[in-house]
Every structure is written in C-alpha cells, then in structure tokens.
Amino acid sequence: MLQKRKNYLIAYLFLLPWFIGFFGLVLGPMISSLYLSFTQYDLLTAPDWVGWQNYLEMFSDRKFIASVKVTLTFVIIGVPLQLLAALFVAVILNKGLRGIGFYRTIYYIPSLLGGSVAIAILWKNIFGMNGIFNDFLAAVGIEGRGWVSHPDYAIYTLIALAAWQFGSSMVIFLAGLKQIPQELYEAASVDGASVFVKFKTITLPLLTPVILFNLVMVLIKSLQVFTSAYIVSEGSGGPSNSTLFYTLYLYQKGFSYFEMGYASAMAWLLLIVIAVLTAVIFFSSKYWVHYEYGGKS
C-alpha cells in the first residue's frame, strides 16, 4: 500500500506542471472571462456588474451583426473549398508518383506559413492594385483593381488565402486513403467499375470518418480566423466592414475601445456557437459517416 501511494505521488509530481498550466493559464482565465462577460470593464477601473446587458446589446450592434455575416460568408465558402482542394490533391498524391515526399512537403508548407504575418502582408501585396495578380490579368487583357481594398472582393481574397492553406487536411486525407484496402478497388475493377464509380462507392464512404475530423477542425479554425483579416485591413475590418471578422471585432472591442466586458461576452458566445456546431456535426455523423465496410457510426 505504501509503495502504491508513493507511485501515485511520483505520478502527480510529473503531472504537476500540466495542472499548474491548466488551472493557471486555461481554467482560471476562462472563469475570469465568464465573470467579466457580465460586467462593464475598461481594464482601468473595477468591473461593474451589468448582468445580461453585454449579451443583449450584441443584437442591436450593427458592427457585431456585420462581423457575424462576414464570418459566416467566410465559413460557408471557405470550409468546403479548403476541404475539396485538400481531398483533390490527396487523391492525386495517392497515385504513387515519383518524388511523392517532395510534393507532400510542397503542398504542406502553406499550412505552416499561411497563418503568419509575413504571408498576410505578401497576400495583401499580391492582390493590391500593383500586385502580381493584376499583372497577370493585364497580360491577358483584363483590367484589374485593388482587390483587397474593394468592399465587394476583399473577403474573397481572404477565402483564397484560407483555401491555399489546405496542407494539414491534405496530409490527413492522404493517411486515410492509405488505409483503404486495395482489394476493394481490385474487386470493383473486375466488375467493370469506372474511376468515378470507385471513388463514389469505395473511396468516399470509407473516407467519411476522416472527412468528419477535417470538417470539424477546419470549421473551428475558420470561425477563429484573425491574423489575415487584421493585416489585410490594418486592423480596421475595412473596406466598409467587408473583412470585419468576428474575432477582429472582438479584438477591437477589448483592446481598441477598452470594452473588455463586451469582448468577453463575445468570446463566450463564440465558444457556445463552436460547441453547438460541433455537436450538430457529430450528431449528424450517424447518418453519413461509415466505418469498416458499410456500417455507420
């Protein structure tokens, strides 16, 4: 018994740094922000309890509503686009090309660099009035414009940037493709199935668990996009709030307008939305996610 307690003590000592980090850097700040979401707090004076006022105020805040619309547009277009690009490239790389390691690295690099400030600045210059994209259009006789500064097109440049960062999803898709038994394809070939039929009846159903994982991860990441919007719009969310993402407006409220109570309420609302959407996806997965050779979750 004494030796057992000693082993437990040693285990908890090794876990102590994790417990300190969890309670001090995760759980503690979360509880504090939950309390602040019910207060009026400007970072300089003591928080003043206001109850549900911050949450109710959101629905009459035009900039808040604009940020929700921008974020939803980004998610609805960007998430499917990124998943389709990742799946398409993964299927191609699964064909056993020469130098496959090199190609995997090339396609994965954007995922490592895409969230950086430098890439956001580069993207802003590419789609600027004098950027490479307009030079390409001019070469084929099309007059370009300042895409990142135009309210009708700025959001789509950021969607393109997000779609370009499909490397992580691609690697996961590729791992999933490697797990599909080759004898299934061989049997389908014997039956005269085309490439499209094989993809529809074998690849896609058996890849649905991986699609589920990638869908959840990309969705959560898309709802929290910040760096690219901040750099491209220089923190303003412009032009005409066309790149005012939810997290960017949250940042403005907390650190530009010093309305930390309102910002905390926005953060908790975002957490609830992510949790609900994730739960809905997992609940719906029993209807479309297949395991083994035909069973559903």
C-alpha atoms as a PDB file:
ATOM      1  CA  MET A   1       0.000   0.000   0.000  1.00  0.00           C
ATOM      2  CA  LEU A   2       2.824   2.388   0.888  1.00  0.00           C
ATOM      3  CA  GLN A   3       4.568   1.666  -2.416  1.00  0.00           C
ATOM      4  CA  LYS A   4       1.294   2.278  -4.288  1.00  0.00           C
ATOM      5  CA  ARG A   5       0.865   5.699  -2.643  1.00  0.00           C
ATOM      6  CA  LYS A   6       4.463   6.509  -3.433  1.00  0.00           C
ATOM      7  CA  ASN A   7       3.881   5.670  -7.105  1.00  0.00           C
ATOM      8  CA  TYR A   8       0.778   7.897  -7.147  1.00  0.00           C
ATOM      9  CA  LEU A   9       2.757  10.722  -5.572  1.00  0.00           C
ATOM     10  CA  ILE A  10       5.507  10.423  -8.171  1.00  0.00           C
ATOM     11  CA  ALA A  11       2.921  10.407 -10.958  1.00  0.00           C
ATOM     12  CA  TYR A  12       1.234  13.546  -9.612  1.00  0.00           C
ATOM     13  CA  LEU A  13       4.601  15.271  -9.300  1.00  0.00           C
ATOM     14  CA  PHE A  14       5.231  14.653 -13.010  1.00  0.00           C
ATOM     15  CA  LEU A  15       1.716  15.913 -13.791  1.00  0.00           C
ATOM     16  CA  LEU A  16       2.130  19.000 -11.614  1.00  0.00           C
ATOM     17  CA  PRO A  17       3.391  21.296 -14.434  1.00  0.00           C
ATOM     18  CA  TRP A  18       0.346  20.357 -16.512  1.00  0.00           C
ATOM     19  CA  PHE A  19      -2.034  21.025 -13.607  1.00  0.00           C
ATOM     20  CA  ILE A  20      -0.395  24.405 -12.989  1.00  0.00           C
ATOM     21  CA  GLY A  21      -0.703  25.294 -16.665  1.00  0.00           C
ATOM     22  CA  PHE A  22      -4.309  24.088 -16.897  1.00  0.00           C
ATOM     23  CA  PHE A  23      -5.617  25.859 -13.803  1.00  0.00           C
ATOM     24  CA  GLY A  24      -3.399  28.930 -14.111  1.00  0.00           C
ATOM     25  CA  LEU A  25      -3.449  29.528 -17.870  1.00  0.00           C
ATOM     26  CA  VAL A  26      -6.677  27.868 -19.067  1.00  0.00           C
ATOM     27  CA  LEU A  27      -9.380  27.272 -16.460  1.00  0.00           C
ATOM     28  CA  GLY A  28      -8.599  30.349 -14.355  1.00  0.00           C
ATOM     29  CA  PRO A  29      -8.720  32.846 -17.253  1.00  0.00           C
ATOM     30  CA  MET A  30     -11.879  31.161 -18.592  1.00  0.00           C
ATOM     31  CA  ILE A  31     -13.701  31.607 -15.296  1.00  0.00           C
ATOM     32  CA  SER A  32     -12.473  35.211 -15.078  1.00  0.00           C
ATOM     33  CA  SER A  33     -13.663  35.993 -18.594  1.00  0.00           C
ATOM     34  CA  LEU A  34     -17.051  34.418 -17.835  1.00  0.00           C
ATOM     35  CA  TYR A  35     -17.425  36.739 -14.865  1.00  0.00           C
ATOM     36  CA  LEU A  36     -16.235  39.751 -16.894  1.00  0.00           C
ATOM     37  CA  SER A  37     -18.791  38.992 -19.604  1.00  0.00           C
ATOM     38  CA  PHE A  38     -21.478  40.061 -17.130  1.00  0.00           C
ATOM     39  CA  THR A  39     -19.697  43.298 -16.241  1.00  0.00           C
ATOM     40  CA  GLN A  40     -18.712  46.631 -17.690  1.00  0.00           C
ATOM     41  CA  TYR A  41     -14.926  46.655 -17.563  1.00  0.00           C
ATOM     42  CA  ASP A  42     -12.466  49.040 -19.202  1.00  0.00           C
ATOM     43  CA  LEU A  43      -9.189  47.477 -17.935  1.00  0.00           C
ATOM     44  CA  LEU A  44      -8.517  50.557 -15.794  1.00  0.00           C
ATOM     45  CA  THR A  45     -11.318  50.582 -13.220  1.00  0.00           C
ATOM     46  CA  ALA A  46     -13.010  47.844 -11.229  1.00  0.00           C
ATOM     47  CA  PRO A  47     -15.583  45.735 -13.114  1.00  0.00           C
ATOM     48  CA  ASP A  48     -19.187  46.912 -12.722  1.00  0.00           C
ATOM     49  CA  TRP A  49     -21.827  44.147 -12.753  1.00  0.00           C
ATOM     50  CA  VAL A  50     -24.411  44.678 -15.528  1.00  0.00           C
ATOM     51  CA  GLY A  51     -25.916  41.199 -15.840  1.00  0.00           C
ATOM     52  CA  TRP A  52     -27.015  40.173 -19.350  1.00  0.00           C
ATOM     53  CA  GLN A  53     -26.586  43.663 -20.801  1.00  0.00           C
ATOM     54  CA  ASN A  54     -23.496  42.806 -22.889  1.00  0.00           C
ATOM     55  CA  TYR A  55     -25.195  39.800 -24.458  1.00  0.00           C
ATOM     56  CA  LEU A  56     -28.419  41.686 -25.218  1.00  0.00           C
ATOM     57  CA  GLU A  57     -26.530  44.657 -26.635  1.00  0.00           C
ATOM     58  CA  MET A  58     -24.906  42.484 -29.324  1.00  0.00           C
ATOM     59  CA  PHE A  59     -28.159  42.004 -31.218  1.00  0.00           C
ATOM     60  CA  SER A  60     -28.599  45.757 -31.675  1.00  0.00           C
ATOM     61  CA  ASP A  61     -24.922  46.343 -32.542  1.00  0.00           C
ATOM     62  CA  ARG A  62     -24.658  46.824 -36.320  1.00  0.00           C
ATOM     63  CA  LYS A  63     -20.925  46.141 -36.401  1.00  0.00           C
ATOM     64  CA  PHE A  64     -21.450  42.922 -34.446  1.00  0.00           C
ATOM     65  CA  ILE A  65     -24.081  41.778 -36.935  1.00  0.00           C
ATOM     66  CA  ALA A  66     -21.753  42.748 -39.813  1.00  0.00           C
ATOM     67  CA  SER A  67     -18.929  40.702 -38.259  1.00  0.00           C
ATOM     68  CA  VAL A  68     -21.231  37.682 -37.976  1.00  0.00           C
ATOM     69  CA  LYS A  69     -22.212  37.980 -41.653  1.00  0.00           C
ATOM     70  CA  VAL A  70     -18.586  38.279 -42.769  1.00  0.00           C
ATOM     71  CA  THR A  71     -17.546  35.265 -40.687  1.00  0.00           C
ATOM     72  CA  LEU A  72     -20.466  33.161 -41.950  1.00  0.00           C
ATOM     73  CA  THR A  73     -19.593  34.052 -45.551  1.00  0.00           C
ATOM     74  CA  PHE A  74     -16.014  33.008 -44.907  1.00  0.00           C
ATOM     75  CA  VAL A  75     -17.082  29.709 -43.316  1.00  0.00           C
ATOM     76  CA  ILE A  76     -19.783  28.779 -45.841  1.00  0.00           C
ATOM     77  CA  ILE A  77     -17.490  29.330 -48.837  1.00  0.00           C
ATOM     78  CA  GLY A  78     -14.051  28.748 -47.378  1.00  0.00           C
ATOM     79  CA  VAL A  79     -14.568  25.490 -45.465  1.00  0.00           C
ATOM     80  CA  PRO A  80     -15.945  23.425 -48.406  1.00  0.00           C
ATOM     81  CA  LEU A  81     -13.376  24.975 -50.747  1.00  0.00           C
ATOM     82  CA  GLN A  82     -10.480  24.068 -48.471  1.00  0.00           C
ATOM     83  CA  LEU A  83     -11.753  20.516 -47.920  1.00  0.00           C
ATOM     84  CA  LEU A  84     -12.321  19.936 -51.642  1.00  0.00           C
ATOM     85  CA  ALA A  85      -8.850  21.246 -52.508  1.00  0.00           C
ATOM     86  CA  ALA A  86      -7.276  19.052 -49.827  1.00  0.00           C
ATOM     87  CA  LEU A  87      -9.163  15.947 -50.974  1.00  0.00           C
ATOM     88  CA  PHE A  88      -8.404  16.569 -54.647  1.00  0.00           C
ATOM     89  CA  VAL A  89      -4.664  16.911 -54.073  1.00  0.00           C
ATOM     90  CA  ALA A  90      -4.610  13.947 -51.665  1.00  0.00           C
ATOM     91  CA  VAL A  91      -6.254  11.700 -54.270  1.00  0.00           C
ATOM     92  CA  ILE A  92      -3.654  12.766 -56.847  1.00  0.00           C
ATOM     93  CA  LEU A  93      -0.722  12.231 -54.474  1.00  0.00           C
ATOM     94  CA  ASN A  94      -2.089   8.809 -53.536  1.00  0.00           C
ATOM     95  CA  LYS A  95      -1.345   7.540 -57.050  1.00  0.00           C
ATOM     96  CA  GLY A  96       2.264   6.718 -56.165  1.00  0.00           C
ATOM     97  CA  LEU A  97       4.050   9.487 -58.089  1.00  0.00           C
ATOM     98  CA  ARG A  98       7.821   9.730 -58.153  1.00  0.00           C
ATOM     99  CA  GLY A  99       9.205  12.121 -55.580  1.00  0.00           C
ATOM    100  CA  ILE A 100       5.971  11.891 -53.584  1.00  0.00           C
ATOM    101  CA  GLY A 101       7.713  13.126 -50.435  1.00  0.00           C
ATOM    102  CA  PHE A 102       8.758  16.319 -52.205  1.00  0.00           C
ATOM    103  CA  TYR A 103       5.213  17.015 -53.406  1.00  0.00           C
ATOM    104  CA  ARG A 104       3.748  16.387 -49.961  1.00  0.00           C
ATOM    105  CA  THR A 105       6.191  18.877 -48.488  1.00  0.00           C
ATOM    106  CA  ILE A 106       5.426  21.499 -51.131  1.00  0.00           C
ATOM    107  CA  TYR A 107       1.677  21.252 -50.537  1.00  0.00           C
ATOM    108  CA  TYR A 108       2.070  21.200 -46.755  1.00  0.00           C
ATOM    109  CA  ILE A 109       4.305  24.278 -46.485  1.00  0.00           C
ATOM    110  CA  PRO A 110       1.405  26.776 -46.960  1.00  0.00           C
ATOM    111  CA  SER A 111      -0.257  25.360 -43.833  1.00  0.00           C
ATOM    112  CA  LEU A 112       2.881  26.139 -41.851  1.00  0.00           C
ATOM    113  CA  LEU A 113       3.308  29.646 -43.262  1.00  0.00           C
ATOM    114  CA  GLY A 114      -0.276  30.680 -44.017  1.00  0.00           C
ATOM    115  CA  GLY A 115      -1.102  31.963 -40.530  1.00  0.00           C
ATOM    116  CA  SER A 116       1.962  34.191 -40.326  1.00  0.00           C
ATOM    117  CA  VAL A 117       2.026  37.966 -40.539  1.00  0.00           C
ATOM    118  CA  ALA A 118       4.558  37.850 -43.381  1.00  0.00           C
ATOM    119  CA  ILE A 119       2.274  35.741 -45.601  1.00  0.00           C
ATOM    120  CA  ALA A 120      -0.694  38.043 -44.862  1.00  0.00           C
ATOM    121  CA  ILE A 121       1.401  41.042 -45.945  1.00  0.00           C
ATOM    122  CA  LEU A 122       2.523  39.161 -49.049  1.00  0.00           C
ATOM    123  CA  TRP A 123      -1.099  38.284 -49.858  1.00  0.00           C
ATOM    124  CA  LYS A 124      -2.106  41.910 -49.463  1.00  0.00           C
ATOM    125  CA  ASN A 125       0.574  42.953 -51.954  1.00  0.00           C
ATOM    126  CA  ILE A 126      -0.327  40.193 -54.418  1.00  0.00           C
ATOM    127  CA  PHE A 127      -3.940  41.359 -54.628  1.00  0.00           C
ATOM    128  CA  GLY A 128      -3.174  45.075 -54.386  1.00  0.00           C
ATOM    129  CA  MET A 129      -3.601  47.490 -57.286  1.00  0.00           C
ATOM    130  CA  ASN A 130       0.004  46.966 -58.382  1.00  0.00           C
ATOM    131  CA  GLY A 131       0.166  43.325 -57.336  1.00  0.00           C
ATOM    132  CA  ILE A 132       1.132  40.199 -59.245  1.00  0.00           C
ATOM    133  CA  PHE A 133      -2.497  39.160 -59.727  1.00  0.00           C
ATOM    134  CA  ASN A 134      -3.304  42.360 -61.612  1.00  0.00           C
ATOM    135  CA  ASP A 135      -0.119  41.946 -63.660  1.00  0.00           C
ATOM    136  CA  PHE A 136      -1.367  38.511 -64.695  1.00  0.00           C
ATOM    137  CA  LEU A 137      -4.786  39.893 -65.627  1.00  0.00           C
ATOM    138  CA  ALA A 138      -3.167  42.691 -67.620  1.00  0.00           C
ATOM    139  CA  ALA A 139      -1.169  40.100 -69.586  1.00  0.00           C
ATOM    140  CA  VAL A 140      -4.440  38.584 -70.838  1.00  0.00           C
ATOM    141  CA  GLY A 141      -6.084  41.954 -71.489  1.00  0.00           C
ATOM    142  CA  ILE A 142      -8.160  42.293 -68.318  1.00  0.00           C
ATOM    143  CA  GLU A 143      -8.077  45.468 -66.260  1.00  0.00           C
ATOM    144  CA  GLY A 144      -7.540  44.707 -62.579  1.00  0.00           C
ATOM    145  CA  ARG A 145      -8.436  46.592 -59.435  1.00  0.00           C
ATOM    146  CA  GLY A 146      -7.431  46.849 -55.793  1.00  0.00           C
ATOM    147  CA  TRP A 147      -8.989  43.568 -54.720  1.00  0.00           C
ATOM    148  CA  VAL A 148      -8.136  43.853 -51.027  1.00  0.00           C
ATOM    149  CA  SER A 149      -9.437  47.424 -50.875  1.00  0.00           C
ATOM    150  CA  HIS A 150     -12.729  46.773 -52.674  1.00  0.00           C
ATOM    151  CA  PRO A 151     -15.704  46.004 -50.370  1.00  0.00           C
ATOM    152  CA  ASP A 152     -17.173  43.501 -52.841  1.00  0.00           C
ATOM    153  CA  TYR A 153     -13.996  41.427 -53.296  1.00  0.00           C
ATOM    154  CA  ALA A 154     -11.820  41.819 -50.192  1.00  0.00           C
ATOM    155  CA  ILE A 155     -13.421  38.889 -48.357  1.00  0.00           C
ATOM    156  CA  TYR A 156     -12.779  36.567 -51.304  1.00  0.00           C
ATOM    157  CA  THR A 157      -9.043  37.264 -51.242  1.00  0.00           C
ATOM    158  CA  LEU A 158      -9.016  36.036 -47.635  1.00  0.00           C
ATOM    159  CA  ILE A 159     -11.078  32.993 -48.597  1.00  0.00           C
ATOM    160  CA  ALA A 160      -8.483  32.241 -51.280  1.00  0.00           C
ATOM    161  CA  LEU A 161      -5.731  32.555 -48.669  1.00  0.00           C
ATOM    162  CA  ALA A 162      -7.544  30.097 -46.384  1.00  0.00           C
ATOM    163  CA  ALA A 163      -8.135  27.637 -49.239  1.00  0.00           C
ATOM    164  CA  TRP A 164      -4.419  27.834 -50.089  1.00  0.00           C
ATOM    165  CA  GLN A 165      -3.655  26.506 -46.582  1.00  0.00           C
ATOM    166  CA  PHE A 166      -5.104  23.047 -47.173  1.00  0.00           C
ATOM    167  CA  GLY A 167      -1.885  21.160 -46.408  1.00  0.00           C
ATOM    168  CA  SER A 168      -2.845  19.826 -42.966  1.00  0.00           C
ATOM    169  CA  SER A 169      -6.190  18.485 -44.191  1.00  0.00           C
ATOM    170  CA  MET A 170      -4.480  17.060 -47.269  1.00  0.00           C
ATOM    171  CA  VAL A 171      -1.991  15.060 -45.195  1.00  0.00           C
ATOM    172  CA  ILE A 172      -4.817  13.644 -43.065  1.00  0.00           C
ATOM    173  CA  PHE A 173      -6.842  12.763 -46.162  1.00  0.00           C
ATOM    174  CA  LEU A 174      -3.779  11.076 -47.633  1.00  0.00           C
ATOM    175  CA  ALA A 175      -3.340   8.986 -44.486  1.00  0.00           C
ATOM    176  CA  GLY A 176      -6.999   7.984 -44.707  1.00  0.00           C
ATOM    177  CA  LEU A 177      -6.650   6.978 -48.353  1.00  0.00           C
ATOM    178  CA  LYS A 178      -3.688   4.753 -47.482  1.00  0.00           C
ATOM    179  CA  GLN A 179      -5.916   2.818 -45.059  1.00  0.00           C
ATOM    180  CA  ILE A 180      -8.477   1.808 -47.688  1.00  0.00           C
ATOM    181  CA  PRO A 181      -7.890  -1.853 -48.684  1.00  0.00           C
ATOM    182  CA  GLN A 182      -6.687  -2.168 -52.276  1.00  0.00           C
ATOM    183  CA  GLU A 183      -8.619  -5.402 -52.770  1.00  0.00           C
ATOM    184  CA  LEU A 184     -11.837  -3.381 -52.797  1.00  0.00           C
ATOM    185  CA  TYR A 185     -10.615  -1.449 -55.831  1.00  0.00           C
ATOM    186  CA  GLU A 186      -9.425  -4.661 -57.482  1.00  0.00           C
ATOM    187  CA  ALA A 187     -12.835  -6.287 -56.990  1.00  0.00           C
ATOM    188  CA  ALA A 188     -14.536  -3.194 -58.404  1.00  0.00           C
ATOM    189  CA  SER A 189     -12.235  -3.274 -61.439  1.00  0.00           C
ATOM    190  CA  VAL A 190     -13.179  -6.894 -62.071  1.00  0.00           C
ATOM    191  CA  ASP A 191     -16.834  -5.795 -62.068  1.00  0.00           C
ATOM    192  CA  GLY A 192     -16.000  -3.115 -64.642  1.00  0.00           C
ATOM    193  CA  ALA A 193     -16.426  -0.105 -62.345  1.00  0.00           C
ATOM    194  CA  SER A 194     -15.125   3.226 -63.641  1.00  0.00           C
ATOM    195  CA  VAL A 195     -12.814   5.534 -61.705  1.00  0.00           C
ATOM    196  CA  PHE A 196     -15.762   7.749 -60.782  1.00  0.00           C
ATOM    197  CA  VAL A 197     -17.822   4.773 -59.535  1.00  0.00           C
ATOM    198  CA  LYS A 198     -14.870   3.548 -57.439  1.00  0.00           C
ATOM    199  CA  PHE A 199     -14.499   6.972 -55.874  1.00  0.00           C
ATOM    200  CA  LYS A 200     -18.221   7.279 -55.172  1.00  0.00           C
ATOM    201  CA  THR A 201     -18.831   3.784 -53.821  1.00  0.00           C
ATOM    202  CA  ILE A 202     -15.494   2.953 -52.153  1.00  0.00           C
ATOM    203  CA  THR A 203     -13.248   5.945 -51.538  1.00  0.00           C
ATOM    204  CA  LEU A 204     -15.812   8.485 -50.379  1.00  0.00           C
ATOM    205  CA  PRO A 205     -17.776   6.234 -47.961  1.00  0.00           C
ATOM    206  CA  LEU A 206     -14.632   4.815 -46.321  1.00  0.00           C
ATOM    207  CA  LEU A 207     -13.121   8.273 -46.074  1.00  0.00           C
ATOM    208  CA  THR A 208     -16.094   9.799 -44.229  1.00  0.00           C
ATOM    209  CA  PRO A 209     -14.504   9.406 -40.730  1.00  0.00           C
ATOM    210  CA  VAL A 210     -11.542  11.451 -41.972  1.00  0.00           C
ATOM    211  CA  ILE A 211     -13.902  13.957 -43.622  1.00  0.00           C
ATOM    212  CA  LEU A 212     -15.681  14.328 -40.276  1.00  0.00           C
ATOM    213  CA  PHE A 213     -12.419  15.057 -38.474  1.00  0.00           C
ATOM    214  CA  ASN A 214     -11.203  17.540 -41.086  1.00  0.00           C
ATOM    215  CA  LEU A 215     -14.605  19.239 -41.242  1.00  0.00           C
ATOM    216  CA  VAL A 216     -14.650  19.895 -37.507  1.00  0.00           C
ATOM    217  CA  MET A 217     -11.045  21.112 -37.400  1.00  0.00           C
ATOM    218  CA  VAL A 218     -11.352  23.407 -40.427  1.00  0.00           C
ATOM    219  CA  LEU A 219     -14.683  24.778 -39.195  1.00  0.00           C
ATOM    220  CA  ILE A 220     -13.279  25.679 -35.776  1.00  0.00           C
ATOM    221  CA  LYS A 221     -10.215  27.267 -37.358  1.00  0.00           C
ATOM    222  CA  SER A 222     -12.344  29.274 -39.800  1.00  0.00           C
ATOM    223  CA  LEU A 223     -14.563  30.646 -37.033  1.00  0.00           C
ATOM    224  CA  GLN A 224     -11.456  31.936 -35.249  1.00  0.00           C
ATOM    225  CA  VAL A 225      -9.631  33.498 -38.211  1.00  0.00           C
ATOM    226  CA  PHE A 226      -7.877  36.721 -37.202  1.00  0.00           C
ATOM    227  CA  THR A 227      -4.325  37.341 -38.415  1.00  0.00           C
ATOM    228  CA  SER A 228      -5.011  37.620 -42.148  1.00  0.00           C
ATOM    229  CA  ALA A 229      -8.018  39.921 -41.652  1.00  0.00           C
ATOM    230  CA  TYR A 230      -6.107  42.116 -39.211  1.00  0.00           C
ATOM    231  CA  ILE A 231      -3.111  42.554 -41.506  1.00  0.00           C
ATOM    232  CA  VAL A 232      -5.028  42.987 -44.772  1.00  0.00           C
ATOM    233  CA  SER A 233      -7.394  45.581 -43.274  1.00  0.00           C
ATOM    234  CA  GLU A 234      -4.737  47.067 -40.974  1.00  0.00           C
ATOM    235  CA  GLY A 235      -6.954  46.284 -38.000  1.00  0.00           C
ATOM    236  CA  SER A 236      -9.954  48.253 -39.245  1.00  0.00           C
ATOM    237  CA  GLY A 237     -12.018  45.442 -40.773  1.00  0.00           C
ATOM    238  CA  GLY A 238     -12.465  47.532 -43.899  1.00  0.00           C
ATOM    239  CA  PRO A 239     -13.282  48.439 -46.505  1.00  0.00           C
ATOM    240  CA  SER A 240     -16.873  49.062 -45.335  1.00  0.00           C
ATOM    241  CA  ASN A 241     -16.577  46.285 -42.720  1.00  0.00           C
ATOM    242  CA  SER A 242     -16.156  43.727 -45.527  1.00  0.00           C
ATOM    243  CA  THR A 243     -13.308  41.986 -43.650  1.00  0.00           C
ATOM    244  CA  LEU A 244     -14.573  42.645 -40.130  1.00  0.00           C
ATOM    245  CA  PHE A 245     -14.354  39.095 -38.871  1.00  0.00           C
ATOM    246  CA  TYR A 246     -15.900  38.163 -35.532  1.00  0.00           C
ATOM    247  CA  THR A 247     -12.562  37.749 -33.776  1.00  0.00           C
ATOM    248  CA  LEU A 248     -11.275  41.019 -35.243  1.00  0.00           C
ATOM    249  CA  TYR A 249     -14.281  42.911 -33.867  1.00  0.00           C
ATOM    250  CA  LEU A 250     -13.789  41.125 -30.542  1.00  0.00           C
ATOM    251  CA  TYR A 251     -10.195  42.381 -30.531  1.00  0.00           C
ATOM    252  CA  GLN A 252     -11.325  45.918 -31.359  1.00  0.00           C
ATOM    253  CA  LYS A 253     -13.856  45.919 -28.537  1.00  0.00           C
ATOM    254  CA  GLY A 254     -11.386  44.629 -25.995  1.00  0.00           C
ATOM    255  CA  PHE A 255      -8.153  46.407 -26.887  1.00  0.00           C
ATOM    256  CA  SER A 256      -9.155  49.416 -29.001  1.00  0.00           C
ATOM    257  CA  TYR A 257     -12.354  50.523 -27.273  1.00  0.00           C
ATOM    258  CA  PHE A 258     -11.434  49.017 -23.864  1.00  0.00           C
ATOM    259  CA  GLU A 259     -14.825  47.331 -23.543  1.00  0.00           C
ATOM    260  CA  MET A 260     -13.414  44.130 -22.100  1.00  0.00           C
ATOM    261  CA  GLY A 261     -16.736  43.023 -20.641  1.00  0.00           C
ATOM    262  CA  TYR A 262     -18.373  43.166 -24.063  1.00  0.00           C
ATOM    263  CA  ALA A 263     -15.379  41.400 -25.630  1.00  0.00           C
ATOM    264  CA  SER A 264     -15.567  38.638 -23.007  1.00  0.00           C
ATOM    265  CA  ALA A 265     -19.261  38.156 -23.800  1.00  0.00           C
ATOM    266  CA  MET A 266     -18.397  37.869 -27.496  1.00  0.00           C
ATOM    267  CA  ALA A 267     -15.724  35.289 -26.690  1.00  0.00           C
ATOM    268  CA  TRP A 268     -18.150  33.150 -24.717  1.00  0.00           C
ATOM    269  CA  LEU A 269     -20.810  33.431 -27.419  1.00  0.00           C
ATOM    270  CA  LEU A 270     -18.240  32.215 -29.947  1.00  0.00           C
ATOM    271  CA  LEU A 271     -17.346  29.300 -27.668  1.00  0.00           C
ATOM    272  CA  ILE A 272     -21.030  28.339 -27.397  1.00  0.00           C
ATOM    273  CA  VAL A 273     -21.527  28.578 -31.177  1.00  0.00           C
ATOM    274  CA  ILE A 274     -18.475  26.384 -31.842  1.00  0.00           C
ATOM    275  CA  ALA A 275     -19.669  23.838 -29.273  1.00  0.00           C
ATOM    276  CA  VAL A 276     -23.190  23.744 -30.740  1.00  0.00           C
ATOM    277  CA  LEU A 277     -21.983  23.423 -34.347  1.00  0.00           C
ATOM    278  CA  THR A 278     -19.540  20.690 -33.383  1.00  0.00           C
ATOM    279  CA  ALA A 279     -22.297  18.829 -31.522  1.00  0.00           C
ATOM    280  CA  VAL A 280     -24.628  19.125 -34.528  1.00  0.00           C
ATOM    281  CA  ILE A 281     -21.952  17.759 -36.853  1.00  0.00           C
ATOM    282  CA  PHE A 282     -21.239  14.807 -34.565  1.00  0.00           C
ATOM    283  CA  PHE A 283     -24.963  14.138 -34.140  1.00  0.00           C
ATOM    284  CA  SER A 284     -25.497  14.176 -37.909  1.00  0.00           C
ATOM    285  CA  SER A 285     -22.477  11.936 -38.467  1.00  0.00           C
ATOM    286  CA  LYS A 286     -24.513   8.822 -37.675  1.00  0.00           C
ATOM    287  CA  TYR A 287     -26.363   9.412 -40.939  1.00  0.00           C
ATOM    288  CA  TRP A 288     -23.372   9.876 -43.241  1.00  0.00           C
ATOM    289  CA  VAL A 289     -20.174   8.621 -41.588  1.00  0.00           C
ATOM    290  CA  HIS A 290     -19.341   4.999 -42.453  1.00  0.00           C
ATOM    291  CA  TYR A 291     -16.991   2.723 -40.543  1.00  0.00           C
ATOM    292  CA  GLU A 292     -15.424  -0.562 -41.598  1.00  0.00           C
ATOM    293  CA  TYR A 293     -17.079  -1.776 -44.815  1.00  0.00           C
ATOM    294  CA  GLY A 294     -20.516  -0.227 -44.685  1.00  0.00           C
ATOM    295  CA  GLY A 295     -21.502   0.264 -41.072  1.00  0.00           C
ATOM    296  CA  LYS A 296     -22.400   3.758 -39.881  1.00  0.00           C
ATOM    297  CA  SER A 297     -21.463   5.460 -36.654  1.00  0.00           C
END
